[in-house]
Amino acid sequence: MVTRMPQYLYVLRPTRLEMLTDGGTPQEQKIVSDHFAYLQRLTEEGVAILMGRTLNNDERTIGLVIFNAVDDASAHKVMESDPAVANSVMTAELYPYRVALIREANATSF
């Protein structure tokens, strides 16, 4: 039997919707850039599995990050270390999660 590392998902929401509709302040833009670099690093390290955001710019807008962590405490640390969360540009909620199916990277897309 193969033992998998636990997986988690955190849902992100902007704390200021105008950041999406009117453009971010220079500080928000820097933090969002740091957020992207953080997630890119987690991907390169094999921690992050998938991340992205919805394309609507209204109160329903969410982003999500699916990642591996050894336990709940580590998962909280990953989420809370996200610059967008740590700097209150986005709020985040953490959930235990399990990827059931995933397409192989070399599979044909539509």
N, C-alpha and C. Protein backbone atom coordinates (compact mmCIF):
# COMPACT_ATOMS: atom_id res chain seq x y z
N MET A 1 0.83 -1.18 0.00
CA MET A 1 0.00 0.00 0.00
C MET A 1 0.89 1.26 0.00
N VAL A 2 0.57 2.20 -0.89
CA VAL A 2 1.32 3.44 -1.00
C VAL A 2 0.75 4.46 -0.02
N THR A 3 1.61 5.03 0.80
CA THR A 3 1.18 6.07 1.74
C THR A 3 1.41 7.43 1.08
N ARG A 4 0.36 8.23 1.04
CA ARG A 4 0.44 9.56 0.45
C ARG A 4 0.62 10.60 1.54
N MET A 5 1.33 11.65 1.19
CA MET A 5 1.42 12.79 2.09
C MET A 5 0.04 13.47 2.10
N PRO A 6 -0.39 13.92 3.26
CA PRO A 6 -1.69 14.61 3.32
C PRO A 6 -1.71 15.83 2.39
N GLN A 7 -2.88 16.09 1.87
CA GLN A 7 -3.07 17.23 0.98
C GLN A 7 -4.04 18.21 1.62
N TYR A 8 -3.88 19.47 1.24
CA TYR A 8 -4.70 20.54 1.78
C TYR A 8 -5.06 21.51 0.66
N LEU A 9 -6.08 22.28 0.91
CA LEU A 9 -6.50 23.32 -0.01
C LEU A 9 -6.76 24.57 0.80
N TYR A 10 -6.29 25.72 0.33
CA TYR A 10 -6.74 26.96 0.95
C TYR A 10 -7.39 27.84 -0.09
N VAL A 11 -8.48 28.47 0.33
CA VAL A 11 -9.27 29.35 -0.51
C VAL A 11 -8.90 30.78 -0.13
N LEU A 12 -8.58 31.56 -1.15
CA LEU A 12 -8.20 32.96 -0.95
C LEU A 12 -9.30 33.88 -1.46
N ARG A 13 -9.48 34.98 -0.75
CA ARG A 13 -10.41 36.02 -1.17
C ARG A 13 -9.73 37.37 -0.95
N PRO A 14 -9.87 38.30 -1.90
CA PRO A 14 -9.26 39.61 -1.70
C PRO A 14 -9.93 40.34 -0.53
N THR A 15 -9.14 41.02 0.28
CA THR A 15 -9.72 41.78 1.38
C THR A 15 -10.31 43.10 0.89
N ARG A 16 -9.84 43.56 -0.27
CA ARG A 16 -10.35 44.80 -0.86
C ARG A 16 -10.69 44.51 -2.32
N LEU A 17 -11.98 44.38 -2.61
CA LEU A 17 -12.44 44.02 -3.95
C LEU A 17 -11.96 45.02 -5.00
N GLU A 18 -11.82 46.28 -4.63
CA GLU A 18 -11.37 47.30 -5.58
C GLU A 18 -9.97 46.99 -6.13
N MET A 19 -9.22 46.17 -5.42
CA MET A 19 -7.91 45.76 -5.91
C MET A 19 -8.07 45.07 -7.27
N LEU A 20 -9.17 44.36 -7.46
CA LEU A 20 -9.42 43.66 -8.72
C LEU A 20 -10.13 44.54 -9.73
N THR A 21 -11.04 45.37 -9.27
CA THR A 21 -11.86 46.15 -10.19
C THR A 21 -11.20 47.45 -10.62
N ASP A 22 -10.46 48.09 -9.72
CA ASP A 22 -9.84 49.39 -10.00
C ASP A 22 -8.32 49.30 -10.11
N GLY A 23 -7.76 48.18 -9.81
CA GLY A 23 -6.31 48.01 -9.80
C GLY A 23 -5.77 48.14 -8.39
N GLY A 24 -4.73 47.42 -8.12
CA GLY A 24 -4.15 47.44 -6.79
C GLY A 24 -3.28 48.66 -6.55
N THR A 25 -3.12 48.99 -5.30
CA THR A 25 -2.18 50.03 -4.93
C THR A 25 -0.76 49.50 -5.21
N PRO A 26 0.24 50.38 -5.26
CA PRO A 26 1.61 49.87 -5.45
C PRO A 26 1.99 48.82 -4.40
N GLN A 27 1.58 49.02 -3.16
CA GLN A 27 1.89 48.04 -2.11
C GLN A 27 1.18 46.71 -2.38
N GLU A 28 -0.11 46.75 -2.76
CA GLU A 28 -0.84 45.52 -3.08
C GLU A 28 -0.20 44.81 -4.27
N GLN A 29 0.19 45.56 -5.28
CA GLN A 29 0.83 44.96 -6.45
C GLN A 29 2.12 44.24 -6.07
N LYS A 30 2.91 44.84 -5.20
CA LYS A 30 4.15 44.20 -4.73
C LYS A 30 3.86 42.92 -3.96
N ILE A 31 2.86 42.98 -3.08
CA ILE A 31 2.51 41.81 -2.27
C ILE A 31 1.97 40.69 -3.15
N VAL A 32 1.14 41.03 -4.14
CA VAL A 32 0.61 40.00 -5.04
C VAL A 32 1.75 39.40 -5.87
N SER A 33 2.72 40.20 -6.25
CA SER A 33 3.89 39.68 -6.95
C SER A 33 4.68 38.72 -6.05
N ASP A 34 4.84 39.09 -4.79
CA ASP A 34 5.51 38.21 -3.82
C ASP A 34 4.71 36.92 -3.61
N HIS A 35 3.39 37.04 -3.59
CA HIS A 35 2.48 35.88 -3.46
C HIS A 35 2.72 34.91 -4.61
N PHE A 36 2.77 35.45 -5.84
CA PHE A 36 3.00 34.60 -7.00
C PHE A 36 4.37 33.92 -6.93
N ALA A 37 5.39 34.67 -6.55
CA ALA A 37 6.74 34.10 -6.42
C ALA A 37 6.77 33.00 -5.36
N TYR A 38 6.05 33.20 -4.27
CA TYR A 38 5.97 32.21 -3.19
C TYR A 38 5.34 30.91 -3.72
N LEU A 39 4.23 31.05 -4.44
CA LEU A 39 3.56 29.86 -4.98
C LEU A 39 4.41 29.19 -6.06
N GLN A 40 5.13 29.98 -6.83
CA GLN A 40 6.02 29.42 -7.83
C GLN A 40 7.12 28.60 -7.16
N ARG A 41 7.67 29.13 -6.07
CA ARG A 41 8.71 28.40 -5.33
C ARG A 41 8.15 27.10 -4.75
N LEU A 42 6.94 27.15 -4.18
CA LEU A 42 6.32 25.93 -3.65
C LEU A 42 6.11 24.89 -4.73
N THR A 43 5.79 25.34 -5.93
CA THR A 43 5.60 24.43 -7.06
C THR A 43 6.93 23.77 -7.43
N GLU A 44 7.97 24.58 -7.53
CA GLU A 44 9.30 24.06 -7.87
C GLU A 44 9.81 23.08 -6.82
N GLU A 45 9.43 23.29 -5.55
CA GLU A 45 9.86 22.41 -4.46
C GLU A 45 9.01 21.15 -4.36
N GLY A 46 7.96 21.04 -5.17
CA GLY A 46 7.09 19.87 -5.13
C GLY A 46 6.04 19.91 -4.04
N VAL A 47 5.87 21.06 -3.41
CA VAL A 47 4.86 21.21 -2.34
C VAL A 47 3.50 21.51 -2.96
N ALA A 48 3.44 22.51 -3.81
CA ALA A 48 2.18 22.93 -4.42
C ALA A 48 1.84 22.01 -5.59
N ILE A 49 0.57 21.67 -5.69
CA ILE A 49 0.08 20.81 -6.76
C ILE A 49 -0.60 21.63 -7.84
N LEU A 50 -1.40 22.59 -7.41
CA LEU A 50 -2.20 23.38 -8.33
C LEU A 50 -2.59 24.68 -7.65
N MET A 51 -2.63 25.75 -8.41
CA MET A 51 -3.16 27.00 -7.88
C MET A 51 -3.72 27.81 -9.03
N GLY A 52 -4.65 28.68 -8.68
CA GLY A 52 -5.26 29.53 -9.70
C GLY A 52 -6.38 30.34 -9.07
N ARG A 53 -7.05 31.12 -9.91
CA ARG A 53 -8.15 31.95 -9.42
C ARG A 53 -9.26 31.99 -10.44
N THR A 54 -10.43 32.34 -9.95
CA THR A 54 -11.56 32.53 -10.86
C THR A 54 -11.31 33.82 -11.64
N LEU A 55 -11.95 33.95 -12.78
CA LEU A 55 -11.71 35.12 -13.64
C LEU A 55 -12.74 36.22 -13.45
N ASN A 56 -13.70 36.01 -12.58
CA ASN A 56 -14.65 37.08 -12.29
C ASN A 56 -14.01 38.05 -11.29
N ASN A 57 -14.42 39.30 -11.36
CA ASN A 57 -13.88 40.33 -10.47
C ASN A 57 -14.98 40.92 -9.61
N ASP A 58 -15.72 40.05 -8.95
CA ASP A 58 -16.78 40.50 -8.06
C ASP A 58 -16.64 39.79 -6.71
N GLU A 59 -17.63 39.93 -5.86
CA GLU A 59 -17.54 39.37 -4.50
C GLU A 59 -17.43 37.84 -4.47
N ARG A 60 -17.65 37.18 -5.59
CA ARG A 60 -17.53 35.71 -5.64
C ARG A 60 -16.12 35.25 -6.01
N THR A 61 -15.24 36.18 -6.32
CA THR A 61 -13.87 35.86 -6.73
C THR A 61 -13.15 35.05 -5.65
N ILE A 62 -12.52 33.96 -6.07
CA ILE A 62 -11.69 33.16 -5.16
C ILE A 62 -10.43 32.71 -5.89
N GLY A 63 -9.42 32.44 -5.11
CA GLY A 63 -8.24 31.75 -5.59
C GLY A 63 -8.11 30.49 -4.76
N LEU A 64 -7.41 29.50 -5.30
CA LEU A 64 -7.17 28.31 -4.48
C LEU A 64 -5.79 27.75 -4.71
N VAL A 65 -5.31 27.14 -3.66
CA VAL A 65 -4.00 26.50 -3.68
C VAL A 65 -4.17 25.10 -3.10
N ILE A 66 -3.78 24.11 -3.87
CA ILE A 66 -3.81 22.72 -3.41
C ILE A 66 -2.35 22.30 -3.24
N PHE A 67 -2.04 21.73 -2.09
CA PHE A 67 -0.64 21.45 -1.77
C PHE A 67 -0.51 20.27 -0.81
N ASN A 68 0.72 19.78 -0.69
CA ASN A 68 1.06 18.70 0.24
C ASN A 68 1.65 19.30 1.52
N ALA A 69 1.35 18.70 2.64
CA ALA A 69 1.96 19.07 3.92
C ALA A 69 1.94 17.84 4.82
N VAL A 70 2.90 17.75 5.72
CA VAL A 70 2.99 16.55 6.56
C VAL A 70 1.89 16.48 7.61
N ASP A 71 1.36 17.64 8.04
CA ASP A 71 0.31 17.64 9.05
C ASP A 71 -0.41 18.99 9.05
N ASP A 72 -1.43 19.11 9.89
CA ASP A 72 -2.23 20.33 9.95
C ASP A 72 -1.39 21.56 10.30
N ALA A 73 -0.47 21.40 11.25
CA ALA A 73 0.35 22.54 11.66
C ALA A 73 1.22 23.03 10.49
N SER A 74 1.80 22.10 9.75
CA SER A 74 2.60 22.47 8.58
C SER A 74 1.76 23.13 7.51
N ALA A 75 0.55 22.62 7.33
CA ALA A 75 -0.36 23.20 6.34
C ALA A 75 -0.72 24.64 6.71
N HIS A 76 -0.99 24.86 7.99
CA HIS A 76 -1.28 26.23 8.44
C HIS A 76 -0.09 27.14 8.18
N LYS A 77 1.10 26.63 8.41
CA LYS A 77 2.31 27.44 8.21
C LYS A 77 2.46 27.81 6.74
N VAL A 78 2.21 26.87 5.84
CA VAL A 78 2.29 27.15 4.40
C VAL A 78 1.32 28.27 4.04
N MET A 79 0.08 28.15 4.50
CA MET A 79 -0.94 29.15 4.19
C MET A 79 -0.58 30.51 4.80
N GLU A 80 -0.23 30.52 6.06
CA GLU A 80 0.04 31.77 6.76
C GLU A 80 1.34 32.44 6.28
N SER A 81 2.22 31.68 5.63
CA SER A 81 3.46 32.24 5.09
C SER A 81 3.27 32.85 3.71
N ASP A 82 2.12 32.62 3.11
CA ASP A 82 1.80 33.23 1.82
C ASP A 82 1.80 34.75 2.02
N PRO A 83 2.62 35.49 1.28
CA PRO A 83 2.68 36.94 1.48
C PRO A 83 1.34 37.66 1.38
N ALA A 84 0.43 37.18 0.54
CA ALA A 84 -0.88 37.82 0.43
C ALA A 84 -1.69 37.65 1.70
N VAL A 85 -1.51 36.53 2.37
CA VAL A 85 -2.21 36.25 3.63
C VAL A 85 -1.50 36.97 4.78
N ALA A 86 -0.18 36.83 4.84
CA ALA A 86 0.60 37.43 5.92
C ALA A 86 0.46 38.95 5.95
N ASN A 87 0.24 39.56 4.77
CA ASN A 87 0.11 41.02 4.68
C ASN A 87 -1.33 41.48 4.53
N SER A 88 -2.29 40.58 4.78
CA SER A 88 -3.72 40.90 4.80
C SER A 88 -4.26 41.48 3.50
N VAL A 89 -3.65 41.13 2.38
CA VAL A 89 -4.19 41.51 1.08
C VAL A 89 -5.29 40.52 0.69
N MET A 90 -5.18 39.29 1.20
CA MET A 90 -6.19 38.26 0.98
C MET A 90 -6.45 37.54 2.29
N THR A 91 -7.69 37.08 2.44
CA THR A 91 -8.01 36.20 3.55
C THR A 91 -7.91 34.77 3.04
N ALA A 92 -7.73 33.83 3.95
CA ALA A 92 -7.57 32.44 3.54
C ALA A 92 -8.27 31.50 4.53
N GLU A 93 -8.85 30.44 3.97
CA GLU A 93 -9.45 29.37 4.77
C GLU A 93 -8.81 28.06 4.34
N LEU A 94 -8.40 27.26 5.30
CA LEU A 94 -7.70 26.01 5.05
C LEU A 94 -8.65 24.82 5.21
N TYR A 95 -8.52 23.85 4.31
CA TYR A 95 -9.32 22.63 4.35
C TYR A 95 -8.43 21.42 4.11
N PRO A 96 -8.66 20.32 4.84
CA PRO A 96 -8.01 19.07 4.44
C PRO A 96 -8.60 18.68 3.08
N TYR A 97 -7.79 18.10 2.23
CA TYR A 97 -8.23 17.85 0.86
C TYR A 97 -7.56 16.59 0.34
N ARG A 98 -8.13 15.98 -0.66
CA ARG A 98 -7.49 14.85 -1.32
C ARG A 98 -7.76 14.92 -2.80
N VAL A 99 -6.71 14.96 -3.59
CA VAL A 99 -6.86 14.91 -5.04
C VAL A 99 -7.26 13.48 -5.39
N ALA A 100 -8.38 13.33 -6.08
CA ALA A 100 -8.87 12.00 -6.45
C ALA A 100 -8.34 11.57 -7.82
N LEU A 101 -8.33 12.49 -8.75
CA LEU A 101 -7.83 12.22 -10.10
C LEU A 101 -7.04 13.42 -10.57
N ILE A 102 -6.01 13.17 -11.33
CA ILE A 102 -5.24 14.26 -11.91
C ILE A 102 -4.74 13.81 -13.27
N ARG A 103 -4.85 14.69 -14.23
CA ARG A 103 -4.42 14.39 -15.58
C ARG A 103 -2.90 14.44 -15.64
N GLU A 104 -2.30 13.53 -16.37
CA GLU A 104 -0.85 13.54 -16.53
C GLU A 104 -0.46 14.76 -17.36
N ALA A 105 0.71 15.29 -17.09
CA ALA A 105 1.16 16.52 -17.75
C ALA A 105 1.27 16.37 -19.26
N ASN A 106 1.57 15.19 -19.77
CA ASN A 106 1.73 15.03 -21.20
C ASN A 106 0.46 14.59 -21.91
N ALA A 107 -0.67 14.59 -21.20
CA ALA A 107 -1.94 14.20 -21.83
C ALA A 107 -2.40 15.28 -22.80
N THR A 108 -3.13 14.87 -23.82
CA THR A 108 -3.65 15.79 -24.81
C THR A 108 -4.76 16.62 -24.22
N SER A 109 -4.73 17.92 -24.50
CA SER A 109 -5.81 18.79 -24.02
C SER A 109 -6.78 19.06 -25.16
N PHE A 110 -7.94 19.59 -24.81
CA PHE A 110 -8.97 19.88 -25.81
C PHE A 110 -8.64 21.09 -26.61
